[in-house]
Protein backbone atom coordinates (compact mmCIF):
# COMPACT_ATOMS: atom_id res chain seq x y z
CA MET A 1 114.39 113.19 66.38
CA ALA A 2 112.67 111.03 69.04
CA ASN A 3 109.27 109.70 68.06
CA PHE A 4 106.82 110.70 70.80
CA SER A 5 103.89 108.74 69.43
CA LYS A 6 100.71 108.55 71.48
CA PRO A 7 100.80 105.57 73.88
CA SER A 8 98.48 102.69 72.97
CA VAL A 9 95.67 102.12 75.44
CA PRO A 10 94.71 98.55 76.41
CA GLN A 11 91.10 97.74 75.74
CA PHE A 12 89.04 96.91 78.80
CA SER A 13 86.00 94.66 78.43
CA VAL A 14 83.27 93.58 80.86
CA ASP A 15 81.34 90.30 80.48
CA VAL A 16 78.42 89.41 82.77
CA TYR A 17 77.42 85.79 83.50
CA GLN A 18 74.16 85.27 85.39
CA ASN A 19 70.77 83.56 85.50
CA GLU A 20 68.49 86.61 85.34
CA TYR A 21 65.30 84.60 86.05
CA LEU A 22 63.73 84.91 89.51
CA PRO A 23 60.62 83.19 90.92
CA GLU A 24 57.70 85.36 92.07
CA GLY A 25 58.84 87.16 95.25
CA GLY A 26 62.53 86.42 94.45
CA ARG A 27 64.84 89.29 95.31
CA GLU A 28 68.49 88.16 95.23
CA VAL A 29 70.37 88.65 91.95
CA ASN A 30 73.86 87.14 91.49
CA ALA A 31 76.27 87.75 88.64
CA ILE A 32 79.88 86.94 87.83
CA VAL A 33 81.59 89.87 86.12
CA THR A 34 84.73 89.14 84.08
CA VAL A 35 86.97 92.19 83.57
CA THR A 36 89.67 91.82 80.90
CA ALA A 37 92.43 94.24 79.85
CA SER A 38 94.22 93.34 76.63
CA GLY A 39 96.33 94.73 73.81
CA GLY A 40 97.97 97.48 75.83
CA GLY A 41 101.32 99.05 75.42
CA THR A 42 100.41 101.62 77.98
CA VAL A 43 97.20 103.00 79.30
CA GLY A 44 94.93 105.08 81.25
CA SER A 45 95.99 108.50 82.36
CA ALA A 46 98.09 108.75 79.21
CA VAL A 47 95.05 110.31 77.66
CA THR A 48 95.22 113.21 80.10
CA ALA A 49 98.78 112.93 81.42
CA PRO A 50 101.18 112.04 78.61
CA HIS A 51 104.18 113.12 80.74
CA LEU A 52 103.63 109.98 82.85
CA TYR A 53 104.53 107.73 79.93
CA ALA A 54 108.05 107.04 78.74
CA PRO A 55 108.05 106.76 74.93
CA GLY A 56 108.18 103.12 73.82
CA ARG A 57 108.92 101.93 77.34
CA GLY A 58 105.58 101.60 79.06
CA PRO A 59 104.15 103.73 81.84
CA SER A 60 106.43 105.46 84.32
CA ALA A 61 106.69 103.57 87.59
CA ALA A 62 108.19 103.83 91.07
CA VAL A 63 109.03 100.77 93.17
CA ALA A 64 110.11 100.51 96.82
CA ILE A 65 111.63 97.23 98.03
CA MET A 66 111.33 96.73 101.81
CA VAL A 67 113.73 94.11 103.21
CA ASP A 68 113.42 92.75 106.74
CA CYS A 69 116.75 93.34 108.55
CA SER A 70 115.58 92.32 112.05
CA GLY A 71 117.81 90.13 114.20
CA SER A 72 116.04 86.90 113.22
CA MET A 73 117.21 87.33 109.61
CA ASP A 74 120.59 86.00 110.86
CA TYR A 75 119.14 82.56 111.63
CA PRO A 76 120.21 80.73 109.56
CA PRO A 77 122.94 83.08 108.26
CA THR A 78 122.07 82.13 104.66
CA LYS A 79 118.65 83.88 105.06
CA MET A 80 120.08 87.41 104.95
CA ARG A 81 122.31 86.47 102.01
CA ASN A 82 119.30 85.03 100.14
CA ALA A 83 117.34 88.24 100.86
CA ARG A 84 120.19 90.38 99.50
CA ASP A 85 120.46 88.19 96.37
CA ALA A 86 116.69 88.34 95.84
CA THR A 87 116.66 92.14 96.14
CA ALA A 88 119.56 92.33 93.67
CA ALA A 89 117.63 90.09 91.24
CA ALA A 90 114.56 92.35 91.56
CA ILE A 91 116.73 95.43 90.90
CA ASP A 92 118.09 93.74 87.74
CA THR A 93 114.50 93.25 86.55
CA LEU A 94 113.63 96.98 86.78
CA ARG A 95 112.89 98.65 83.46
CA ASP A 96 115.30 101.49 82.58
CA GLY A 97 113.92 104.80 83.83
CA THR A 98 111.91 103.26 86.69
CA HIS A 99 112.20 105.19 89.97
CA PHE A 100 113.24 102.91 92.84
CA ALA A 101 114.46 102.72 96.42
CA VAL A 102 115.55 100.01 98.85
CA ILE A 103 114.44 100.19 102.49
CA GLY A 104 115.93 98.20 105.37
CA GLY A 105 113.25 97.36 107.92
CA THR A 106 113.70 96.76 111.65
CA HIS A 107 111.86 98.50 114.53
CA VAL A 108 112.62 101.59 112.42
CA ALA A 109 112.82 102.04 108.63
CA LYS A 110 116.12 103.03 107.05
CA GLU A 111 116.89 104.17 103.50
CA VAL A 112 119.47 101.73 102.12
CA TYR A 113 119.58 103.24 98.60
CA PRO A 114 119.70 105.93 97.23
CA GLY A 115 119.10 107.82 100.54
CA GLY A 116 118.30 111.46 101.27
CA GLY A 117 114.55 110.98 100.90
CA ARG A 118 114.94 110.44 97.16
CA LEU A 119 114.32 107.76 94.56
CA ALA A 120 116.96 106.61 92.06
CA LEU A 121 116.31 106.23 88.31
CA ALA A 122 117.11 102.71 87.14
CA ASP A 123 120.04 102.44 84.73
CA THR A 124 123.26 100.43 84.60
CA THR A 125 125.03 102.71 87.10
CA THR A 126 122.28 102.99 89.73
CA ARG A 127 121.57 99.25 89.61
CA GLU A 128 125.23 98.56 90.36
CA GLN A 129 125.29 101.19 93.15
CA ALA A 130 122.16 99.71 94.71
CA LYS A 131 123.66 96.19 94.68
CA GLN A 132 126.82 97.56 96.34
CA ALA A 133 124.64 99.17 99.03
CA LEU A 134 122.88 95.83 99.63
CA ARG A 135 126.18 94.29 100.72
CA ARG A 136 126.13 96.55 103.77
CA LEU A 137 122.77 95.13 104.94
CA SER A 138 123.10 93.31 108.25
CA ALA A 139 120.59 91.81 110.67
CA GLY A 140 119.80 93.34 114.06
CA GLY A 141 116.83 94.93 115.81
CA GLY A 142 113.09 94.37 115.93
CA THR A 143 110.14 94.47 113.53
CA ALA A 144 107.72 97.39 113.03
CA ILE A 145 106.29 96.95 109.54
CA GLY A 146 104.08 100.06 109.71
CA THR A 147 107.22 102.25 109.77
CA TRP A 148 108.53 100.51 106.62
CA LEU A 149 105.26 101.13 104.79
CA ARG A 150 105.10 104.79 105.80
CA LEU A 151 108.65 105.41 104.55
CA ALA A 152 107.83 103.59 101.28
CA ASP A 153 104.75 105.80 100.88
CA ARG A 154 106.80 109.00 101.44
CA LEU A 155 109.43 107.94 98.88
CA LEU A 156 106.94 106.66 96.27
CA SER A 157 104.79 109.78 96.49
CA SER A 158 107.82 111.96 95.69
CA ALA A 159 107.71 110.80 92.04
CA ASP A 160 105.19 111.99 89.44
CA VAL A 161 104.52 108.52 87.98
CA ALA A 162 101.64 106.38 86.71
CA ILE A 163 102.34 103.21 88.76
CA ARG A 164 103.49 103.02 92.41
CA HIS A 165 104.36 99.61 93.82
CA GLY A 166 105.97 98.09 96.90
CA ILE A 167 107.55 94.69 97.59
CA LEU A 168 107.78 93.70 101.26
CA LEU A 169 109.75 90.79 102.71
CA THR A 170 109.50 89.73 106.36
CA ASP A 171 110.61 86.66 108.32
CA GLY A 172 109.01 87.41 111.67
CA ARG A 173 106.01 88.71 113.57
CA ASN A 174 105.34 92.43 113.82
CA GLU A 175 106.35 92.57 117.49
CA HIS A 176 107.58 96.14 117.90
CA GLU A 177 104.38 98.04 117.14
CA SER A 178 100.75 97.46 118.05
CA PRO A 179 98.27 95.89 115.58
CA GLU A 180 96.53 99.30 115.67
CA ASP A 181 99.74 101.03 114.49
CA LEU A 182 100.07 98.62 111.57
CA LYS A 183 96.39 99.06 110.67
CA ALA A 184 96.74 102.87 110.78
CA ALA A 185 99.77 102.65 108.44
CA LEU A 186 97.85 100.38 106.04
CA ASP A 187 94.84 102.71 106.09
CA SER A 188 97.05 105.70 105.24
CA CYS A 189 98.84 103.82 102.40
CA ALA A 190 95.74 102.19 100.87
CA GLY A 191 95.01 103.60 97.43
CA ARG A 192 98.42 105.31 97.29
CA PHE A 193 100.47 102.29 96.17
CA THR A 194 99.99 98.55 95.67
CA CYS A 195 102.20 96.10 97.56
CA ASP A 196 103.17 92.43 97.29
CA ALA A 197 104.09 90.81 100.63
CA ARG A 198 106.20 87.70 101.19
CA GLY A 199 106.91 85.70 104.34
CA VAL A 200 110.21 83.82 104.34
CA GLY A 201 110.77 80.79 106.57
CA THR A 202 108.06 79.82 109.09
CA ASP A 203 108.32 82.31 112.00
CA TRP A 204 105.97 84.96 110.60
CA GLU A 205 102.24 85.45 111.04
CA VAL A 206 100.15 84.44 108.00
CA LYS A 207 97.24 86.76 108.81
CA GLU A 208 99.66 89.72 109.10
CA VAL A 209 101.30 89.16 105.72
CA THR A 210 98.05 88.35 103.88
CA GLY A 211 96.41 91.35 105.60
CA ILE A 212 99.12 93.71 104.25
CA ALA A 213 98.74 92.39 100.69
CA SER A 214 94.96 92.51 100.91
CA ALA A 215 94.83 96.10 102.19
CA LEU A 216 97.24 97.25 99.47
CA LEU A 217 95.70 95.15 96.64
CA GLY A 218 98.82 93.06 96.09
CA THR A 219 99.71 89.37 96.31
CA ALA A 220 100.85 87.39 99.36
CA ASP A 221 102.85 84.16 99.45
CA ILE A 222 105.20 82.04 101.51
CA VAL A 223 108.79 81.34 100.51
CA ALA A 224 109.44 78.52 102.98
CA ASP A 225 112.99 77.97 101.73
CA PRO A 226 114.97 81.23 101.53
CA ALA A 227 116.84 79.77 98.51
CA GLY A 228 113.65 80.34 96.48
CA LEU A 229 113.57 84.10 97.12
CA ALA A 230 115.50 85.29 94.06
CA ALA A 231 113.21 83.49 91.60
CA ASP A 232 110.12 84.76 93.46
CA PHE A 233 111.37 88.38 93.58
CA THR A 234 112.19 88.28 89.86
CA ARG A 235 108.66 87.05 89.03
CA MET A 236 107.08 89.71 91.27
CA MET A 237 109.10 92.50 89.67
CA GLU A 238 108.34 91.24 86.14
CA THR A 239 104.63 91.39 86.99
CA ALA A 240 105.01 94.89 88.48
CA MET A 241 106.82 96.05 85.33
CA GLY A 242 103.93 94.65 83.26
CA LYS A 243 101.32 96.88 84.93
CA GLU A 244 99.98 99.53 82.58
CA VAL A 245 97.28 101.40 84.46
CA ALA A 246 96.84 102.13 88.17
CA ASP A 247 93.78 102.83 90.32
CA VAL A 248 91.12 101.12 88.22
CA SER A 249 87.75 101.02 90.00
CA LEU A 250 84.62 99.03 89.31
CA ARG A 251 81.71 101.47 89.39
CA LEU A 252 78.41 99.87 90.40
CA TRP A 253 75.15 101.75 89.78
CA THR A 254 71.95 100.30 91.23
CA PRO A 255 68.35 101.54 90.83
CA VAL A 256 66.27 102.96 93.66
CA ASP A 257 65.35 100.50 96.49
CA THR A 258 68.10 98.09 95.41
CA THR A 259 70.73 97.08 98.01
CA VAL A 260 74.26 95.88 97.28
CA LYS A 261 74.76 92.72 99.38
CA PHE A 262 78.40 92.17 98.40
CA VAL A 263 81.10 92.71 95.79
CA LYS A 264 84.10 90.39 95.88
CA GLN A 265 86.94 89.39 93.61
CA VAL A 266 86.75 85.62 93.05
CA ALA A 267 89.63 84.99 90.59
CA PRO A 268 92.59 84.72 90.61
CA THR A 269 92.06 84.99 94.40
CA VAL A 270 89.12 85.63 96.71
CA GLU A 271 89.19 89.23 97.97
CA GLU A 272 86.33 90.95 99.79
CA LEU A 273 85.69 94.44 98.33
CA THR A 274 82.26 95.27 99.82
CA ASP A 275 83.55 97.50 102.63
CA ARG A 276 85.96 99.37 100.35
CA ARG A 277 83.18 101.17 98.49
CA THR A 278 83.48 104.92 98.04
CA GLU A 279 80.34 106.80 97.05
CA ALA A 280 80.32 108.10 93.48
CA GLY A 281 77.14 110.12 93.07
CA PRO A 282 73.49 109.09 93.36
CA ARG A 283 73.12 105.29 93.81
CA ALA A 284 76.66 104.61 92.52
CA GLY A 285 79.76 103.40 94.31
CA ASP A 286 83.36 102.63 93.31
CA TYR A 287 85.26 99.48 94.36
CA PRO A 288 89.09 99.57 93.98
CA LEU A 289 90.64 96.98 91.62
CA GLY A 290 94.29 98.12 91.83
CA SER A 291 96.80 98.12 88.95
CA TRP A 292 96.35 96.24 85.68
CA GLY A 293 98.53 94.81 82.93
CA ASP A 294 97.23 92.46 80.23
CA GLU A 295 95.08 90.19 82.41
CA SER A 296 91.60 89.04 83.32
CA ARG A 297 89.89 88.81 86.74
CA ASP A 298 86.45 87.68 87.91
CA TYR A 299 84.15 89.41 90.43
CA HIS A 300 80.96 88.22 92.14
CA VAL A 301 78.29 90.92 92.51
CA CYS A 302 75.17 90.25 94.57
CA VAL A 303 72.28 92.76 94.84
CA GLU A 304 68.84 92.63 96.41
CA VAL A 305 66.07 94.11 94.26
CA PRO A 306 62.48 95.04 95.20
CA ALA A 307 60.04 92.11 94.76
CA ALA A 308 58.00 92.16 91.54
CA HIS A 309 55.31 90.19 89.71
CA ILE A 310 55.63 87.49 87.05
CA GLY A 311 56.49 88.96 83.66
CA GLN A 312 58.18 92.10 85.03
CA GLU A 313 61.83 92.79 84.36
CA MET A 314 64.34 95.42 85.51
CA LEU A 315 67.95 96.51 85.28
CA ALA A 316 69.37 95.34 88.63
CA ALA A 317 72.84 96.92 88.26
CA ARG A 318 75.06 98.66 85.74
CA ILE A 319 78.81 98.04 85.88
CA SER A 320 81.48 100.29 84.38
CA LEU A 321 85.22 100.86 84.88
CA VAL A 322 86.77 104.21 85.81
CA ILE A 323 90.14 105.68 86.76
CA PRO A 324 90.57 108.90 88.73
CA GLN A 325 92.12 111.99 87.13
CA SER A 326 94.29 114.60 88.84
CA ASP A 327 91.51 117.21 88.64
CA GLY A 328 89.14 115.05 90.72
CA SER A 329 87.11 113.83 87.74
CA VAL A 330 87.19 110.24 86.45
CA GLN A 331 87.99 108.76 83.08
CA ASN A 332 85.49 106.11 81.99
CA LEU A 333 87.27 103.17 80.35
CA GLY A 334 84.34 102.58 78.02
CA ALA A 335 83.46 99.02 79.06
CA GLN A 336 80.02 98.32 80.51
CA GLY A 337 78.05 95.33 81.79
CA LEU A 338 74.36 95.04 82.70
CA VAL A 339 72.86 92.80 85.40
CA ARG A 340 69.16 92.03 84.84
CA ALA A 341 66.27 90.59 86.82
CA VAL A 342 63.29 88.90 85.11
CA TRP A 343 60.45 87.36 87.13
CA THR A 344 59.02 84.12 85.72
CA ASP A 345 56.74 81.24 86.71
CA ASP A 346 58.94 78.81 84.75
CA MET A 347 60.37 76.75 87.64
CA ALA A 348 63.20 75.28 85.55
CA ALA A 349 64.39 78.77 84.52
CA SER A 350 64.15 80.37 87.96
CA THR A 351 65.79 77.55 89.96
CA SER A 352 68.80 76.77 87.75
CA ILE A 353 72.04 78.24 89.09
CA ASN A 354 74.38 79.86 86.58
CA PRO A 355 77.51 77.63 86.33
CA GLN A 356 79.89 80.58 86.87
CA VAL A 357 78.01 81.73 89.99
CA ALA A 358 77.89 78.15 91.35
CA HIS A 359 81.62 77.61 90.71
CA TYR A 360 82.78 80.78 92.42
CA THR A 361 80.36 80.45 95.33
CA GLY A 362 82.10 77.11 95.92
CA GLN A 363 85.59 78.64 95.60
CA ALA A 364 84.73 81.34 98.17
CA GLU A 365 83.35 78.66 100.53
CA LEU A 366 86.53 76.62 99.97
CA ALA A 367 88.75 79.53 101.08
CA GLN A 368 86.58 80.08 104.15
CA ALA A 369 86.50 76.36 105.08
CA ILE A 370 90.32 76.19 104.98
CA GLN A 371 90.72 79.31 107.16
CA GLN A 372 88.15 78.08 109.70
CA GLY A 373 89.56 74.54 109.71
CA LEU A 374 93.13 75.69 110.38
CA ASP A 375 91.95 78.13 113.09
CA LEU A 376 89.98 75.32 114.81
CA ARG A 377 93.01 72.99 114.55
CA LYS A 378 95.21 75.62 116.25
CA ALA A 379 92.56 76.08 118.94
CA GLY A 380 92.54 72.31 119.65
CA ASP A 381 89.03 71.64 118.28
CA PHE A 382 90.03 68.62 116.20
CA ASP A 383 86.47 67.47 115.41
CA GLY A 384 85.52 70.93 114.12
CA ALA A 385 88.80 71.15 112.16
CA THR A 386 88.19 67.72 110.59
CA ALA A 387 84.69 68.71 109.48
CA LYS A 388 85.80 72.02 107.92
CA LEU A 389 88.92 70.64 106.23
CA GLY A 390 86.87 67.67 104.99
CA ARG A 391 84.42 70.09 103.38
CA ALA A 392 87.40 71.94 101.85
CA VAL A 393 88.73 68.68 100.34
CA GLN A 394 85.26 67.97 98.89
CA LEU A 395 84.98 71.47 97.36
CA ALA A 396 88.55 71.42 95.97
CA SER A 397 87.90 68.02 94.39
CA ALA A 398 84.51 68.98 92.90
CA SER A 399 85.80 72.25 91.38
CA GLY A 400 89.05 70.83 90.01
CA ASN A 401 91.24 73.03 92.22
CA ALA A 402 94.16 70.58 92.08
CA ASP A 403 96.75 72.94 93.65
CA THR A 404 94.64 73.48 96.77
CA ALA A 405 93.76 69.75 96.93
CA LYS A 406 97.50 68.96 96.93
CA LEU A 407 98.15 71.43 99.79
CA LEU A 408 95.20 70.02 101.80
CA ALA A 409 96.60 66.48 101.43
CA LYS A 410 99.68 67.57 103.40
CA VAL A 411 97.49 68.51 106.39
CA VAL A 412 94.84 65.75 106.26
CA ASP A 413 94.73 62.13 105.11
CA VAL A 414 92.03 61.98 102.47
CA VAL A 415 89.81 58.88 102.84
CA ASP A 416 87.19 59.92 100.24
CA ALA A 417 87.49 63.26 98.45
CA ALA A 418 83.98 63.10 96.95
CA THR A 419 82.29 62.89 100.36
CA GLY A 420 84.91 64.99 102.17
CA THR A 421 85.90 62.15 104.51
CA VAL A 422 89.32 62.95 105.99
CA ARG A 423 91.50 62.36 109.06
CA LEU A 424 93.74 65.06 110.51
CA LYS A 425 97.40 64.11 110.18
CA ALA A 426 99.06 63.62 113.57
CA LYS A 427 102.19 65.46 112.48
CA VAL A 428 102.11 68.36 110.02
CA GLU A 429 105.14 70.33 108.84
CA GLU A 430 104.74 73.97 109.86
CA ALA A 431 105.67 75.12 106.35
CA ASP A 432 102.90 72.94 104.84
CA GLU A 433 100.24 74.35 107.16
CA MET A 434 101.38 77.94 106.54
CA THR A 435 101.48 77.37 102.75
CA LEU A 436 97.89 76.07 102.82
CA GLU A 437 96.74 79.07 104.88
CA THR A 438 98.60 81.64 102.76
CA ARG A 439 97.34 80.20 99.46
CA SER A 440 93.82 79.33 100.66
CA THR A 441 92.25 82.22 98.69
CA LYS A 442 93.76 81.14 95.33
CA THR A 443 91.00 79.97 93.00
CA VAL A 444 90.72 78.13 89.70
CA ARG A 445 88.81 79.84 86.93
CA VAL A 446 85.59 78.38 85.69
CA LYS A 447 85.84 76.82 82.23
CA LYS A 448 83.78 79.25 80.17
């Protein structure tokens, strides 16, 4: 008889790093919140929805792979072949029992496998059938990514599963629908599934691909050489198969007369969450954190508290983690963090910046300096670009972000990293510039 033992739930923990001391009249409170999930087999809704968990195999999942089949995928001809091979590699990485579909994307979205508005269940037979179907993929037509996402949403929502995930590959700009159409599609899919987006080659728009991943709480990257697609798709699918709980939210409660200035993810990448708040009762709001496996991420929370006198102290914010339940309630994951404010006349205490806060403030500025510098370079403002990219080099060097420093060195000649003295390179490979822009939000973690 099969052993239907209760799934194990990963433990979530919340750690808060801050300097709680403020000078008299001080109002801004900053904290870095580290959220860690560990020790899971499977999690979350299992407590209330055991049917979503396959015994001994992790949470049930549905995955839609969206492959660009527009005309440009034929140039060079190896690109389409690499995309087919990568999709086949991703299909091989699916856990048995995972629901999946393959979508061919042009100016319309077509079901490549299994078809008929359904999802297939991964096993030896369906994997082989899907790979046979991939051989029929050919390039031709335009690009309307919103239609691909809407079809993925329809297919993914047809399965009663714990985790819903998309993988999207494009090689060109979204030329056959308006930016408003794409935004409307992203708005309607947000919160319904997560999605990793990849740009292959150098003819796609970085802000489009990173915007898709950001809206759908996934990762974005460039695969400049199509030959690297299979390895990248395998890694992405392994990560997707490692997710154990979907729809985690950070719940932030603040006392009366306290304002939330911002909430942003700062590791492993910088992601602005402030505008994604949904109200959750009196003085509380939820910020979406997406799907989790065994992993740790850092968030920067900044609140403004009412001014107070020396010697007073207050709870500036309470942080907890929740996941929604089918009946509209939420399950609290049991982890909590407190952000405090204490007013003091000890100058040394109130003026020292917490090392975690300082580090991540620098990493967020680094991401912004790269974006602004590259935009100014494209606009022909070379002095402005030099200043911004010089500041980026300085920040990357000071924080030990060696990967970003390496990418910056392909766009500027570094004269002195410590002072941020650089010269723009006269000739920059397009792939190098796009890689820097796509990966500009990747951060290094502070050494705790």
